[in-house]
Protein backbone atom coordinates (compact mmCIF):
# COMPACT_ATOMS: atom_id res chain seq x y z
CA UNK A 1 35.50 -126.41 4.76
CA UNK A 2 37.93 -124.56 2.47
CA UNK A 3 37.41 -121.36 4.41
CA UNK A 4 38.13 -123.15 7.65
CA UNK A 5 41.36 -124.63 6.25
CA UNK A 6 42.36 -121.21 4.94
CA UNK A 7 41.72 -119.54 8.30
CA UNK A 8 43.61 -122.28 10.13
CA UNK A 9 46.54 -121.93 7.72
CA UNK A 10 46.53 -118.13 8.09
CA UNK A 11 46.48 -118.45 11.89
CA UNK A 12 49.41 -120.90 11.79
CA UNK A 13 51.35 -118.55 9.50
CA UNK A 14 50.68 -115.61 11.83
CA UNK A 15 51.84 -117.65 14.83
CA UNK A 16 55.08 -118.55 13.04
CA UNK A 17 55.71 -114.92 12.16
CA UNK A 18 54.97 -113.83 15.71
CA UNK A 19 57.47 -116.38 17.04
CA UNK A 20 60.12 -115.42 14.45
CA UNK A 21 60.17 -111.67 15.15
CA UNK A 22 62.40 -111.91 18.26
CA UNK A 23 64.81 -114.16 16.34
CA UNK A 24 65.01 -111.70 13.46
CA UNK A 25 65.63 -108.84 15.87
CA UNK A 26 68.39 -110.85 17.54
CA UNK A 27 70.09 -111.38 14.16
CA UNK A 28 70.07 -107.66 13.48
CA UNK A 29 71.05 -106.68 17.00
CA UNK A 30 73.46 -103.81 17.42
CA UNK A 31 76.74 -103.89 19.36
CA UNK A 32 75.07 -103.52 22.73
CA UNK A 33 73.03 -106.70 22.28
CA UNK A 34 76.19 -108.55 21.26
CA UNK A 35 77.77 -107.41 24.50
CA UNK A 36 74.86 -108.81 26.48
CA UNK A 37 75.49 -112.14 24.74
CA UNK A 38 79.17 -111.80 25.71
CA UNK A 39 78.20 -111.53 29.37
CA UNK A 40 76.14 -114.73 29.12
CA UNK A 41 78.92 -116.63 27.32
CA UNK A 42 81.73 -115.45 29.60
CA UNK A 43 81.20 -118.00 32.45
CA UNK A 44 81.06 -120.88 29.98
CA UNK A 45 84.24 -119.67 28.33
CA UNK A 46 85.97 -119.52 31.72
CA UNK A 47 84.99 -123.14 32.34
CA UNK A 48 86.50 -124.13 28.98
CA UNK A 49 89.67 -122.16 29.72
CA UNK A 50 90.07 -123.94 33.06
CA UNK A 51 89.57 -127.30 31.42
CA UNK A 52 91.96 -126.59 28.53
CA UNK A 53 94.65 -125.21 30.83
CA UNK A 54 94.29 -128.28 33.01
CA UNK A 55 93.89 -126.39 36.28
CA UNK A 56 92.60 -128.76 38.97
CA UNK A 57 93.56 -126.83 42.10
CA UNK A 58 90.82 -124.38 43.14
CA UNK A 59 93.25 -121.92 44.75
CA UNK A 60 95.44 -121.89 41.66
CA UNK A 61 92.36 -121.37 39.48
CA UNK A 62 91.22 -118.34 41.48
CA UNK A 63 94.47 -116.56 40.62
CA UNK A 64 94.50 -117.66 36.99
CA UNK A 65 90.78 -116.96 36.53
CA UNK A 66 91.20 -113.38 37.72
CA UNK A 67 94.05 -112.77 35.29
CA UNK A 68 92.32 -114.51 32.39
CA UNK A 69 89.29 -112.33 33.13
CA UNK A 70 91.43 -109.20 32.87
CA UNK A 71 92.81 -110.37 29.52
CA UNK A 72 89.32 -111.13 28.19
CA UNK A 73 88.03 -107.79 29.46
CA UNK A 74 90.91 -105.93 27.79
CA UNK A 75 90.36 -107.83 24.54
CA UNK A 76 86.65 -107.06 24.68
CA UNK A 77 87.26 -103.40 25.43
CA UNK A 78 89.67 -103.15 22.53
CA UNK A 79 86.95 -104.55 20.29
CA UNK A 80 87.06 -104.26 16.56
CA UNK A 81 89.06 -101.74 14.61
CA UNK A 82 86.09 -101.15 12.35
CA UNK A 83 83.41 -98.61 13.15
CA UNK A 84 80.02 -99.97 14.09
CA UNK A 85 77.62 -100.72 11.26
CA UNK A 86 74.78 -99.13 13.15
CA UNK A 87 75.61 -95.76 14.59
CA UNK A 88 74.77 -95.50 18.26
CA UNK A 89 73.12 -92.43 19.60
CA UNK A 90 74.76 -90.49 22.43
CA UNK A 91 71.98 -91.78 24.68
CA UNK A 92 72.76 -95.42 23.77
CA UNK A 93 76.49 -94.88 24.34
CA UNK A 94 75.86 -93.22 27.70
CA UNK A 95 73.45 -95.98 28.67
CA UNK A 96 75.98 -98.69 27.80
CA UNK A 97 78.69 -96.85 29.67
CA UNK A 98 76.50 -96.44 32.74
CA UNK A 99 75.71 -100.14 32.72
CA UNK A 100 79.39 -101.00 32.24
CA UNK A 101 78.61 -102.88 29.05
CA UNK A 102 80.27 -103.03 25.73
CA UNK A 103 83.35 -101.69 24.16
CA UNK A 104 84.58 -98.50 25.63
CA UNK A 105 82.33 -95.71 24.46
CA UNK A 106 85.47 -93.94 23.26
CA UNK A 107 86.22 -96.78 20.84
CA UNK A 108 82.75 -96.57 19.32
CA UNK A 109 82.60 -92.78 19.37
CA UNK A 110 86.10 -92.33 17.94
CA UNK A 111 85.51 -94.86 15.16
CA UNK A 112 82.16 -93.31 14.32
CA UNK A 113 83.72 -89.83 14.34
CA UNK A 114 86.30 -91.04 11.83
CA UNK A 115 83.60 -92.50 9.62
CA UNK A 116 81.56 -89.31 9.86
CA UNK A 117 84.60 -87.26 8.84
CA UNK A 118 84.91 -89.40 5.72
CA UNK A 119 81.20 -89.21 4.97
CA UNK A 120 81.10 -85.44 5.33
CA UNK A 121 84.35 -84.76 3.47
CA UNK A 122 85.87 -83.07 6.52
CA UNK A 123 89.08 -81.11 6.13
CA UNK A 124 92.32 -83.08 6.21
CA UNK A 125 93.37 -81.33 9.43
CA UNK A 126 90.12 -82.38 11.14
CA UNK A 127 90.54 -85.94 9.91
CA UNK A 128 94.15 -85.98 11.09
CA UNK A 129 93.22 -84.84 14.61
CA UNK A 130 90.43 -87.44 14.81
CA UNK A 131 92.81 -90.11 13.57
CA UNK A 132 95.42 -89.18 16.17
CA UNK A 133 92.78 -89.34 18.91
CA UNK A 134 91.63 -92.74 17.67
CA UNK A 135 95.20 -94.10 17.56
CA UNK A 136 95.98 -92.75 21.04
CA UNK A 137 92.90 -94.47 22.48
CA UNK A 138 93.80 -97.76 20.77
CA UNK A 139 97.42 -97.56 21.96
CA UNK A 140 96.16 -97.11 25.53
CA UNK A 141 93.86 -100.12 25.23
CA UNK A 142 96.62 -102.21 23.64
CA UNK A 143 98.95 -101.29 26.51
CA UNK A 144 96.31 -102.43 29.03
CA UNK A 145 95.89 -105.68 27.12
CA UNK A 146 99.63 -106.29 27.06
CA UNK A 147 99.89 -105.62 30.80
CA UNK A 148 97.06 -108.09 31.48
CA UNK A 149 98.77 -110.68 29.28
CA UNK A 150 102.10 -110.22 31.08
CA UNK A 151 100.36 -110.69 34.44
CA UNK A 152 98.74 -113.90 33.17
CA UNK A 153 102.05 -115.25 31.85
CA UNK A 154 103.59 -114.90 35.32
CA UNK A 155 101.24 -117.52 36.81
CA UNK A 156 101.15 -120.05 33.96
CA UNK A 157 103.36 -123.06 33.36
CA UNK A 158 105.04 -123.32 29.96
CA UNK A 159 102.43 -125.88 28.86
CA UNK A 160 99.60 -123.60 29.99
CA UNK A 161 101.22 -120.63 28.24
CA UNK A 162 101.31 -122.57 24.97
CA UNK A 163 97.65 -123.55 25.41
CA UNK A 164 96.66 -119.96 26.27
CA UNK A 165 98.47 -118.73 23.16
CA UNK A 166 96.62 -121.24 20.99
CA UNK A 167 93.34 -120.12 22.61
CA UNK A 168 94.04 -116.49 21.67
CA UNK A 169 94.58 -115.24 25.23
CA UNK A 170 98.28 -114.57 24.65
CA UNK A 171 100.33 -113.54 21.65
């Protein structure tokens, strides 16, 4: 009887571990998995934006939705200033780029190149050129974000602009 209880307990434990593995992998997912989650969350976020901006007219929403989408896309492309914790291989970056997912591969590659220059004690001139390239790419992305925000402002009422600012869509 003890052996049977032990085997049943071991089988239950194994089943729990088997079920937990995908959850553990999801917690440790790299940037690309986070971007997949972004794509699933995006429609729900758009619904919340519509509700919070108080847009009832479908035609009005089509215009606003398109511009909000451009702002969200620009924000997502800009991503984080920090390099990725897990370095992506060239194959992973190319794959993400081909699928149209994730932060711009330049953002990831430039940030990782900066980190690699620190790790390898690169010459100051090499670090400076990498830093200039990184800043130029970020300035370009910030300019695209600002353009998208200006286009959104043009179609919002003052009340909606205040709400969009509080939601983080506008500055």
